C-alpha atoms as a PDB file:
ATOM      1  CA  MET A   1       7.866 -19.736  12.428  1.00  0.00           C
ATOM      2  CA  ILE A   2       4.328 -18.668  11.581  1.00  0.00           C
ATOM      3  CA  ILE A   3       3.151 -15.049  11.044  1.00  0.00           C
ATOM      4  CA  ASP A   4      -0.444 -14.331  10.405  1.00  0.00           C
ATOM      5  CA  SER A   5      -0.892 -10.727   8.760  1.00  0.00           C
ATOM      6  CA  HIS A   6      -4.521 -10.307   8.639  1.00  0.00           C
ATOM      7  CA  VAL A   7      -6.264 -10.372  11.954  1.00  0.00           C
ATOM      8  CA  HIS A   8      -9.218  -8.267  13.415  1.00  0.00           C
ATOM      9  CA  ILE A   9      -9.852  -7.521  16.948  1.00  0.00           C
ATOM     10  CA  TYR A  10     -12.486  -5.347  18.590  1.00  0.00           C
ATOM     11  CA  PRO A  11     -12.514  -3.574  21.738  1.00  0.00           C
ATOM     12  CA  PRO A  12     -15.335  -4.260  24.099  1.00  0.00           C
ATOM     13  CA  GLU A  13     -17.245  -1.138  23.851  1.00  0.00           C
ATOM     14  CA  VAL A  14     -17.493  -1.688  20.133  1.00  0.00           C
ATOM     15  CA  ILE A  15     -19.080  -5.008  20.517  1.00  0.00           C
ATOM     16  CA  ARG A  16     -21.344  -3.797  23.149  1.00  0.00           C
ATOM     17  CA  ASP A  17     -22.520  -0.792  21.150  1.00  0.00           C
ATOM     18  CA  VAL A  18     -22.485  -2.727  17.704  1.00  0.00           C
ATOM     19  CA  GLU A  19     -26.175  -1.613  16.782  1.00  0.00           C
ATOM     20  CA  LYS A  20     -26.033   2.087  18.028  1.00  0.00           C
ATOM     21  CA  ILE A  21     -22.558   2.412  15.766  1.00  0.00           C
ATOM     22  CA  GLY A  22     -24.194   0.894  13.039  1.00  0.00           C
ATOM     23  CA  CYS A  23     -26.632   3.592  12.876  1.00  0.00           C
ATOM     24  CA  SER A  24     -23.872   6.148  11.641  1.00  0.00           C
ATOM     25  CA  GLU A  25     -21.475   3.618  10.396  1.00  0.00           C
ATOM     26  CA  PRO A  26     -23.166   1.588   7.345  1.00  0.00           C
ATOM     27  CA  HIS A  27     -20.197  -0.013   6.368  1.00  0.00           C
ATOM     28  CA  PHE A  28     -19.607  -1.247   9.644  1.00  0.00           C
ATOM     29  CA  SER A  29     -23.279  -2.323  10.092  1.00  0.00           C
ATOM     30  CA  GLU A  30     -23.100  -4.341   6.629  1.00  0.00           C
ATOM     31  CA  LEU A  31     -20.278  -6.364   7.627  1.00  0.00           C
ATOM     32  CA  THR A  32     -21.530  -6.945  11.383  1.00  0.00           C
ATOM     33  CA  SER A  33     -24.733  -8.015  10.394  1.00  0.00           C
ATOM     34  CA  CYS A  34     -23.561 -10.561   8.089  1.00  0.00           C
ATOM     35  CA  ARG A  35     -23.993 -13.976   9.400  1.00  0.00           C
ATOM     36  CA  ILE A  36     -20.411 -15.246   8.848  1.00  0.00           C
ATOM     37  CA  HIS A  37     -18.921 -12.404  11.085  1.00  0.00           C
ATOM     38  CA  ARG A  38     -17.396 -13.200  14.273  1.00  0.00           C
ATOM     39  CA  TRP A  39     -15.959 -11.176  17.092  1.00  0.00           C
ATOM     40  CA  ALA A  40     -12.471 -11.536  18.780  1.00  0.00           C
ATOM     41  CA  GLY A  41     -10.612  -9.843  21.380  1.00  0.00           C
ATOM     42  CA  ALA A  42      -6.850 -10.037  22.128  1.00  0.00           C
ATOM     43  CA  GLU A  43      -7.488 -13.152  24.164  1.00  0.00           C
ATOM     44  CA  ASP A  44      -9.368 -14.984  21.732  1.00  0.00           C
ATOM     45  CA  VAL A  45      -6.759 -14.532  19.433  1.00  0.00           C
ATOM     46  CA  ILE A  46      -3.831 -15.310  21.411  1.00  0.00           C
ATOM     47  CA  ALA A  47      -5.884 -18.780  22.607  1.00  0.00           C
ATOM     48  CA  LYS A  48      -6.470 -19.620  18.920  1.00  0.00           C
ATOM     49  CA  MET A  49      -2.734 -18.808  18.026  1.00  0.00           C
ATOM     50  CA  ASP A  50      -1.748 -21.168  20.724  1.00  0.00           C
ATOM     51  CA  GLU A  51      -4.239 -23.939  19.486  1.00  0.00           C
ATOM     52  CA  GLU A  52      -2.993 -23.939  15.717  1.00  0.00           C
ATOM     53  CA  GLY A  53       0.628 -23.162  16.290  1.00  0.00           C
ATOM     54  CA  VAL A  54       0.847 -19.417  15.089  1.00  0.00           C
ATOM     55  CA  ASP A  55       3.852 -17.351  16.389  1.00  0.00           C
ATOM     56  CA  VAL A  56       2.891 -13.761  15.637  1.00  0.00           C
ATOM     57  CA  SER A  57      -0.475 -12.168  14.339  1.00  0.00           C
ATOM     58  CA  TRP A  58      -0.537  -8.802  13.206  1.00  0.00           C
ATOM     59  CA  VAL A  59      -3.885  -7.395  14.506  1.00  0.00           C
ATOM     60  CA  PHE A  60      -6.258  -3.993  13.848  1.00  0.00           C
ATOM     61  CA  GLY A  61      -9.508  -2.784  14.439  1.00  0.00           C
ATOM     62  CA  PHE A  62     -12.212  -1.426  12.190  1.00  0.00           C
ATOM     63  CA  ALA A  63     -11.613   1.463   9.602  1.00  0.00           C
ATOM     64  CA  PHE A  64     -14.512   3.702  10.524  1.00  0.00           C
ATOM     65  CA  ASN A  65     -15.473   6.732   9.216  1.00  0.00           C
ATOM     66  CA  ASP A  66     -15.234   8.464  12.777  1.00  0.00           C
ATOM     67  CA  LEU A  67     -11.933   9.031  14.211  1.00  0.00           C
ATOM     68  CA  GLY A  68     -13.002   8.699  17.427  1.00  0.00           C
ATOM     69  CA  LEU A  69     -14.038   5.292  16.728  1.00  0.00           C
ATOM     70  CA  CYS A  70     -10.657   4.582  15.321  1.00  0.00           C
ATOM     71  CA  ARG A  71      -8.998   6.175  18.123  1.00  0.00           C
ATOM     72  CA  LEU A  72     -10.862   3.684  20.211  1.00  0.00           C
ATOM     73  CA  CYS A  73      -9.820   0.704  18.064  1.00  0.00           C
ATOM     74  CA  ASN A  74      -6.423   2.008  18.092  1.00  0.00           C
ATOM     75  CA  ASP A  75      -6.178   2.361  21.754  1.00  0.00           C
ATOM     76  CA  TYR A  76      -7.174  -1.193  22.247  1.00  0.00           C
ATOM     77  CA  VAL A  77      -4.714  -2.449  19.779  1.00  0.00           C
ATOM     78  CA  ILE A  78      -1.825  -0.419  21.337  1.00  0.00           C
ATOM     79  CA  ASP A  79      -2.795  -2.104  25.040  1.00  0.00           C
ATOM     80  CA  SER A  80      -3.196  -5.685  23.415  1.00  0.00           C
ATOM     81  CA  VAL A  81       0.480  -5.120  21.573  1.00  0.00           C
ATOM     82  CA  LYS A  82       1.855  -4.290  25.218  1.00  0.00           C
ATOM     83  CA  ARG A  83       0.195  -6.922  27.156  1.00  0.00           C
ATOM     84  CA  PHE A  84       1.304  -9.526  24.512  1.00  0.00           C
ATOM     85  CA  PRO A  85       4.513  -7.828  23.207  1.00  0.00           C
ATOM     86  CA  HIS A  86       5.794 -11.348  21.561  1.00  0.00           C
ATOM     87  CA  ARG A  87       2.910 -12.430  20.063  1.00  0.00           C
ATOM     88  CA  LEU A  88       0.953  -9.375  18.545  1.00  0.00           C
ATOM     89  CA  ARG A  89       1.960  -6.519  16.573  1.00  0.00           C
ATOM     90  CA  GLY A  90      -0.515  -3.835  15.467  1.00  0.00           C
ATOM     91  CA  LEU A  91      -1.710  -1.857  12.807  1.00  0.00           C
ATOM     92  CA  ALA A  92      -3.630   1.799  13.246  1.00  0.00           C
ATOM     93  CA  VAL A  93      -6.972   2.128  11.621  1.00  0.00           C
ATOM     94  CA  VAL A  94      -7.750   5.926  10.302  1.00  0.00           C
ATOM     95  CA  PRO A  95     -10.135   7.582   8.162  1.00  0.00           C
ATOM     96  CA  PRO A  96      -7.968   9.068   5.375  1.00  0.00           C
ATOM     97  CA  LEU A  97     -10.193  11.971   4.728  1.00  0.00           C
ATOM     98  CA  ALA A  98     -10.925  12.970   8.200  1.00  0.00           C
ATOM     99  CA  ARG A  99      -9.536  15.975   9.789  1.00  0.00           C
ATOM    100  CA  GLY A 100      -6.524  15.052  12.239  1.00  0.00           C
ATOM    101  CA  PHE A 101      -5.908  11.568  11.080  1.00  0.00           C
ATOM    102  CA  GLU A 102      -2.134  12.311  10.293  1.00  0.00           C
ATOM    103  CA  GLU A 103      -2.051  13.082  14.020  1.00  0.00           C
ATOM    104  CA  GLU A 104      -3.575   9.830  15.085  1.00  0.00           C
ATOM    105  CA  ALA A 105      -0.993   8.085  12.833  1.00  0.00           C
ATOM    106  CA  ILE A 106       1.687   9.461  14.647  1.00  0.00           C
ATOM    107  CA  ARG A 107       0.711   8.659  17.736  1.00  0.00           C
ATOM    108  CA  CYS A 108       0.110   4.960  16.664  1.00  0.00           C
ATOM    109  CA  ARG A 109       3.393   5.018  15.382  1.00  0.00           C
ATOM    110  CA  GLU A 110       4.841   6.337  18.304  1.00  0.00           C
ATOM    111  CA  GLU A 111       3.307   3.516  20.439  1.00  0.00           C
ATOM    112  CA  GLY A 112       4.967   1.243  18.247  1.00  0.00           C
ATOM    113  CA  LEU A 113       2.377   0.061  15.423  1.00  0.00           C
ATOM    114  CA  ILE A 114       3.891  -1.083  12.368  1.00  0.00           C
ATOM    115  CA  GLY A 115       1.331  -0.071   9.767  1.00  0.00           C
ATOM    116  CA  ILE A 116      -1.835   1.585   8.774  1.00  0.00           C
ATOM    117  CA  GLY A 117      -4.848  -0.747   7.855  1.00  0.00           C
ATOM    118  CA  GLU A 118      -7.109  -2.434   7.058  1.00  0.00           C
ATOM    119  CA  ILE A 119      -8.141   0.540   4.882  1.00  0.00           C
ATOM    120  CA  PHE A 120     -11.754  -0.047   3.478  1.00  0.00           C
ATOM    121  CA  PRO A 121     -11.995   2.476   0.505  1.00  0.00           C
ATOM    122  CA  GLN A 122     -15.472   2.074  -0.450  1.00  0.00           C
ATOM    123  CA  GLY A 123     -16.740   1.752   3.294  1.00  0.00           C
ATOM    124  CA  GLN A 124     -14.792   5.265   3.997  1.00  0.00           C
ATOM    125  CA  ASN A 125     -15.586   7.075   1.131  1.00  0.00           C
ATOM    126  CA  PHE A 126     -12.004   7.104  -0.070  1.00  0.00           C
ATOM    127  CA  ASP A 127     -11.280   6.800  -4.054  1.00  0.00           C
ATOM    128  CA  LEU A 128      -7.849   5.154  -4.559  1.00  0.00           C
ATOM    129  CA  THR A 129      -7.478   6.559  -7.825  1.00  0.00           C
ATOM    130  CA  ASP A 130      -7.625  10.157  -6.630  1.00  0.00           C
ATOM    131  CA  ILE A 131      -4.585  11.559  -6.073  1.00  0.00           C
ATOM    132  CA  ARG A 132      -6.268  14.334  -4.462  1.00  0.00           C
ATOM    133  CA  GLN A 133      -7.647  12.162  -1.847  1.00  0.00           C
ATOM    134  CA  THR A 134      -4.781   9.883  -1.794  1.00  0.00           C
ATOM    135  CA  TRP A 135      -1.516  11.869  -1.498  1.00  0.00           C
ATOM    136  CA  LYS A 136      -1.977  12.545   2.399  1.00  0.00           C
ATOM    137  CA  LEU A 137      -2.390   9.250   3.464  1.00  0.00           C
ATOM    138  CA  ALA A 138       0.559   8.090   1.273  1.00  0.00           C
ATOM    139  CA  GLY A 139       2.637  10.817   2.485  1.00  0.00           C
ATOM    140  CA  VAL A 140       2.212   9.962   6.156  1.00  0.00           C
ATOM    141  CA  ALA A 141       2.714   6.248   5.671  1.00  0.00           C
ATOM    142  CA  ASP A 142       6.061   7.203   3.960  1.00  0.00           C
ATOM    143  CA  GLU A 143       7.281   9.678   6.535  1.00  0.00           C
ATOM    144  CA  LEU A 144       6.299   7.475   9.521  1.00  0.00           C
ATOM    145  CA  GLY A 145       7.862   4.068   8.025  1.00  0.00           C
ATOM    146  CA  MET A 146       4.510   2.317   8.071  1.00  0.00           C
ATOM    147  CA  PHE A 147       3.067   0.265   5.269  1.00  0.00           C
ATOM    148  CA  LEU A 148      -0.495   0.334   4.314  1.00  0.00           C
ATOM    149  CA  LEU A 149      -2.868  -2.708   4.557  1.00  0.00           C
ATOM    150  CA  ILE A 150      -5.823  -2.129   1.957  1.00  0.00           C
ATOM    151  CA  HIS A 151      -8.500  -4.133   1.224  1.00  0.00           C
ATOM    152  CA  SER A 152      -9.316  -5.137  -2.427  1.00  0.00           C
ATOM    153  CA  ALA A 153     -11.513  -7.621  -4.238  1.00  0.00           C
ATOM    154  CA  GLU A 154     -11.602  -9.538  -7.382  1.00  0.00           C
ATOM    155  CA  PRO A 155     -13.711  -7.846 -10.362  1.00  0.00           C
ATOM    156  CA  VAL A 156     -15.627 -10.866 -11.081  1.00  0.00           C
ATOM    157  CA  GLY A 157     -17.147 -14.063  -9.249  1.00  0.00           C
ATOM    158  CA  HIS A 158     -19.534 -14.124  -6.376  1.00  0.00           C
ATOM    159  CA  ASP A 159     -20.645 -10.950  -4.468  1.00  0.00           C
ATOM    160  CA  TYR A 160     -19.997 -10.865  -0.628  1.00  0.00           C
ATOM    161  CA  ALA A 161     -20.761  -8.296   2.172  1.00  0.00           C
ATOM    162  CA  GLY A 162     -17.952  -6.100   2.023  1.00  0.00           C
ATOM    163  CA  LYS A 163     -16.687  -6.905  -1.445  1.00  0.00           C
ATOM    164  CA  GLY A 164     -16.296  -3.272  -2.325  1.00  0.00           C
ATOM    165  CA  ASN A 165     -15.110  -1.376  -5.752  1.00  0.00           C
ATOM    166  CA  VAL A 166     -11.382  -1.834  -5.273  1.00  0.00           C
ATOM    167  CA  CYS A 167     -10.135  -4.094  -7.935  1.00  0.00           C
ATOM    168  CA  PRO A 168      -6.846  -4.376  -9.566  1.00  0.00           C
ATOM    169  CA  GLY A 169      -7.253  -1.353 -11.655  1.00  0.00           C
ATOM    170  CA  GLU A 170      -7.955   0.828  -9.010  1.00  0.00           C
ATOM    171  CA  ALA A 171      -5.104  -0.899  -6.897  1.00  0.00           C
ATOM    172  CA  ALA A 172      -2.566  -0.293  -9.482  1.00  0.00           C
ATOM    173  CA  GLU A 173      -3.515   3.266 -10.042  1.00  0.00           C
ATOM    174  CA  PHE A 174      -2.961   4.043  -6.433  1.00  0.00           C
ATOM    175  CA  CYS A 175       0.617   2.261  -6.545  1.00  0.00           C
ATOM    176  CA  ILE A 176       1.533   4.057  -9.904  1.00  0.00           C
ATOM    177  CA  HIS A 177       0.497   7.371  -7.999  1.00  0.00           C
ATOM    178  CA  HIS A 178       2.750   6.406  -4.924  1.00  0.00           C
ATOM    179  CA  PRO A 179       5.672   4.303  -5.806  1.00  0.00           C
ATOM    180  CA  GLU A 180       7.373   5.202  -2.462  1.00  0.00           C
ATOM    181  CA  VAL A 181       4.681   3.372  -0.381  1.00  0.00           C
ATOM    182  CA  ARG A 182       4.717  -0.234   0.971  1.00  0.00           C
ATOM    183  CA  VAL A 183       1.287  -1.713   0.379  1.00  0.00           C
ATOM    184  CA  LEU A 184      -0.394  -4.815   0.883  1.00  0.00           C
ATOM    185  CA  PHE A 185      -3.310  -5.542  -0.445  1.00  0.00           C
ATOM    186  CA  ALA A 186      -5.916  -8.028   1.214  1.00  0.00           C
ATOM    187  CA  HIS A 187      -7.549 -10.836  -0.647  1.00  0.00           C
ATOM    188  CA  PHE A 188      -4.614 -11.557  -3.198  1.00  0.00           C
ATOM    189  CA  GLY A 189      -4.778  -7.959  -4.348  1.00  0.00           C
ATOM    190  CA  GLY A 190      -8.062  -8.982  -6.158  1.00  0.00           C
ATOM    191  CA  GLY A 191      -5.884 -10.757  -8.728  1.00  0.00           C
ATOM    192  CA  LEU A 192      -3.611  -7.633  -9.070  1.00  0.00           C
ATOM    193  CA  TRP A 193      -0.508 -10.118  -8.726  1.00  0.00           C
ATOM    194  CA  LEU A 194      -1.203 -11.470 -12.088  1.00  0.00           C
ATOM    195  CA  TYR A 195      -0.584  -8.267 -13.844  1.00  0.00           C
ATOM    196  CA  GLU A 196       2.949  -8.394 -12.510  1.00  0.00           C
ATOM    197  CA  LEU A 197       3.800 -10.706 -15.474  1.00  0.00           C
ATOM    198  CA  MET A 198       3.579  -7.392 -17.370  1.00  0.00           C
ATOM    199  CA  PRO A 199       6.972  -5.389 -17.388  1.00  0.00           C
ATOM    200  CA  GLU A 200       5.483  -2.160 -16.841  1.00  0.00           C
ATOM    201  CA  MET A 201       3.436  -3.423 -13.990  1.00  0.00           C
ATOM    202  CA  LYS A 202       6.088  -5.370 -12.383  1.00  0.00           C
ATOM    203  CA  LEU A 203       8.139  -1.960 -11.834  1.00  0.00           C
ATOM    204  CA  ALA A 204       4.755  -0.094 -10.786  1.00  0.00           C
ATOM    205  CA  LEU A 205       4.092  -3.008  -8.075  1.00  0.00           C
ATOM    206  CA  SER A 206       7.624  -3.178  -6.830  1.00  0.00           C
ATOM    207  CA  ASN A 207       6.660  -2.196  -3.172  1.00  0.00           C
ATOM    208  CA  VAL A 208       3.542  -4.447  -3.086  1.00  0.00           C
ATOM    209  CA  TRP A 209       2.855  -7.482  -1.631  1.00  0.00           C
ATOM    210  CA  TYR A 210      -0.700  -9.484  -1.055  1.00  0.00           C
ATOM    211  CA  ASP A 211      -2.295 -11.454   1.749  1.00  0.00           C
ATOM    212  CA  SER A 212      -4.397 -14.452   1.181  1.00  0.00           C
ATOM    213  CA  ALA A 213      -6.963 -13.309   3.370  1.00  0.00           C
ATOM    214  CA  ALA A 214     -10.601 -15.301   2.797  1.00  0.00           C
ATOM    215  CA  TRP A 215      -8.335 -17.832   0.493  1.00  0.00           C
ATOM    216  CA  PRO A 216     -10.785 -21.051   1.364  1.00  0.00           C
ATOM    217  CA  TRP A 217     -13.940 -18.872   0.021  1.00  0.00           C
ATOM    218  CA  LEU A 218     -12.393 -17.408  -2.903  1.00  0.00           C
ATOM    219  CA  TYR A 219      -9.649 -19.600  -4.667  1.00  0.00           C
ATOM    220  CA  GLU A 220      -8.578 -23.174  -4.975  1.00  0.00           C
ATOM    221  CA  PRO A 221      -5.603 -24.335  -3.540  1.00  0.00           C
ATOM    222  CA  SER A 222      -3.721 -24.151  -6.909  1.00  0.00           C
ATOM    223  CA  ILE A 223      -3.563 -20.384  -6.778  1.00  0.00           C
ATOM    224  CA  LEU A 224      -0.619 -20.388  -4.612  1.00  0.00           C
ATOM    225  CA  ALA A 225       1.292 -23.017  -7.084  1.00  0.00           C
ATOM    226  CA  ALA A 226       0.227 -20.292  -9.970  1.00  0.00           C
ATOM    227  CA  ILE A 227       1.709 -17.611  -8.032  1.00  0.00           C
ATOM    228  CA  GLU A 228       4.811 -19.662  -7.370  1.00  0.00           C
ATOM    229  CA  ALA A 229       4.915 -20.294 -11.355  1.00  0.00           C
ATOM    230  CA  ALA A 230       4.903 -16.562 -12.037  1.00  0.00           C
ATOM    231  CA  GLY A 231       7.836 -16.035  -9.862  1.00  0.00           C
ATOM    232  CA  LEU A 232       6.014 -13.805  -7.220  1.00  0.00           C
ATOM    233  CA  GLU A 233       6.639 -16.316  -4.288  1.00  0.00           C
ATOM    234  CA  ASP A 234       8.521 -13.576  -2.412  1.00  0.00           C
ATOM    235  CA  LYS A 235       5.099 -11.357  -2.390  1.00  0.00           C
ATOM    236  CA  ILE A 236       2.330 -13.246  -0.791  1.00  0.00           C
ATOM    237  CA  LEU A 237       1.814 -13.425   2.846  1.00  0.00           C
ATOM    238  CA  PHE A 238      -0.279 -15.597   5.059  1.00  0.00           C
ATOM    239  CA  GLY A 239      -3.484 -14.042   6.380  1.00  0.00           C
ATOM    240  CA  SER A 240      -6.258 -15.744   8.042  1.00  0.00           C
ATOM    241  CA  ASP A 241      -8.980 -13.033   8.133  1.00  0.00           C
ATOM    242  CA  PHE A 242      -9.593 -14.476  11.866  1.00  0.00           C
ATOM    243  CA  PRO A 243     -11.749 -14.432  13.611  1.00  0.00           C
ATOM    244  CA  ILE A 244     -13.775 -14.986  10.339  1.00  0.00           C
ATOM    245  CA  LEU A 245     -11.992 -17.894   9.239  1.00  0.00           C
ATOM    246  CA  ALA A 246      -9.596 -20.368  11.339  1.00  0.00           C
ATOM    247  CA  CYS A 247      -5.879 -20.701  10.339  1.00  0.00           C
ATOM    248  CA  SER A 248      -6.273 -24.623  10.101  1.00  0.00           C
ATOM    249  CA  ARG A 249      -8.345 -24.219   6.861  1.00  0.00           C
ATOM    250  CA  TYR A 250      -5.416 -22.129   5.150  1.00  0.00           C
ATOM    251  CA  PHE A 251      -3.122 -24.776   6.228  1.00  0.00           C
ATOM    252  CA  ASP A 252      -4.941 -27.643   4.491  1.00  0.00           C
ATOM    253  CA  ARG A 253      -5.084 -25.476   1.478  1.00  0.00           C
ATOM    254  CA  LEU A 254      -1.326 -24.856   1.830  1.00  0.00           C
ATOM    255  CA  LYS A 255      -0.488 -28.677   1.814  1.00  0.00           C
ATOM    256  CA  SER A 256      -2.833 -29.118  -1.241  1.00  0.00           C
ATOM    257  CA  SER A 257      -1.122 -26.514  -3.021  1.00  0.00           C
ATOM    258  CA  ARG A 258       1.816 -28.782  -3.344  1.00  0.00           C
ATOM    259  CA  VAL A 259       4.135 -25.884  -3.534  1.00  0.00           C
ATOM    260  CA  SER A 260       7.925 -26.207  -2.476  1.00  0.00           C
ATOM    261  CA  GLU A 261       8.972 -26.002   0.996  1.00  0.00           C
ATOM    262  CA  LYS A 262      10.971 -22.667   0.344  1.00  0.00           C
ATOM    263  CA  THR A 263       7.625 -21.159  -1.045  1.00  0.00           C
ATOM    264  CA  ALA A 264       5.724 -22.547   2.164  1.00  0.00           C
ATOM    265  CA  GLU A 265       8.139 -20.846   4.283  1.00  0.00           C
ATOM    266  CA  LYS A 266       8.120 -17.586   2.830  1.00  0.00           C
ATOM    267  CA  PHE A 267       4.323 -17.510   2.734  1.00  0.00           C
ATOM    268  CA  LEU A 268       4.080 -18.415   6.336  1.00  0.00           C
ATOM    269  CA  SER A 269       6.708 -15.816   7.547  1.00  0.00           C
ATOM    270  CA  LEU A 270       9.514 -14.946   5.786  1.00  0.00           C
ATOM    271  CA  ASN A 271       7.683 -12.345   3.265  1.00  0.00           C
ATOM    272  CA  ALA A 272       6.244 -10.771   6.196  1.00  0.00           C
ATOM    273  CA  LEU A 273       9.544 -10.321   7.941  1.00  0.00           C
ATOM    274  CA  SER A 274      10.659  -8.783   4.426  1.00  0.00           C
ATOM    275  CA  LEU A 275       7.893  -6.500   4.015  1.00  0.00           C
ATOM    276  CA  LEU A 276       8.875  -4.814   7.553  1.00  0.00           C
ATOM    277  CA  GLU A 277      12.497  -4.710   6.933  1.00  0.00           C
ATOM    278  CA  GLY A 278      13.658  -0.838   7.603  1.00  0.00           C
ATOM    279  CA  GLN A 279      10.425  -0.372   9.684  1.00  0.00           C
ATOM    280  CA  GLY A 280      12.104  -0.953  12.750  1.00  0.00           C
END
């Protein structure tokens, strides 16, 4: 079984009005004007899944600052999951500082969505280290039994559109403040996983997982072997960042990593199922 935990889909209205939306959503404009950006709808995802042998994808829209635009994306995700119930599971996008985001999260949970994200802290002017800003989002996620998917990035290396300022320090502080919340940090957590070799951080990150989104652009294949050697093979999920990257590039890297078959199985599906345990 293969579960892709990081897939972007966009309602047709967003694709049609990209320039207009970008005028009031600078982070969206930055990402969608980048030469590597690609668009995809639910049917595109299903077609690619069939081509590449992916069984289930976790899909979500764009985390706008505007709650109305987030609702538009969530409506599309909800409808897509209903049309492809055995192939797609959905996450809700919300602006964590906007009035009324809690009601939107509740609505999405009642419609069967499993998580909240991908949250873009820098793009949404959301400080992960400020408990005065984060407590409400963490509380809503915990009460609804939804995990959080949060964008994160490495503090070194090349720059790229949307890299953001959430690095291991910021991500770790959020988890220290909110140990009750299950969090999936995108892009290998920007290297946060490495700090789980410190006993106190292993405890603080007990409810944390990491996905592999953008792996071909960020790391050598051997990063997965390093994660396995660190004893963290239960905490890394396959995420493709489709439609920006195809799954086949990850499968090539997985093969080149030479990890055990058991670790490969955990990476491709078992860890995603473990993250969802107890969430319904």
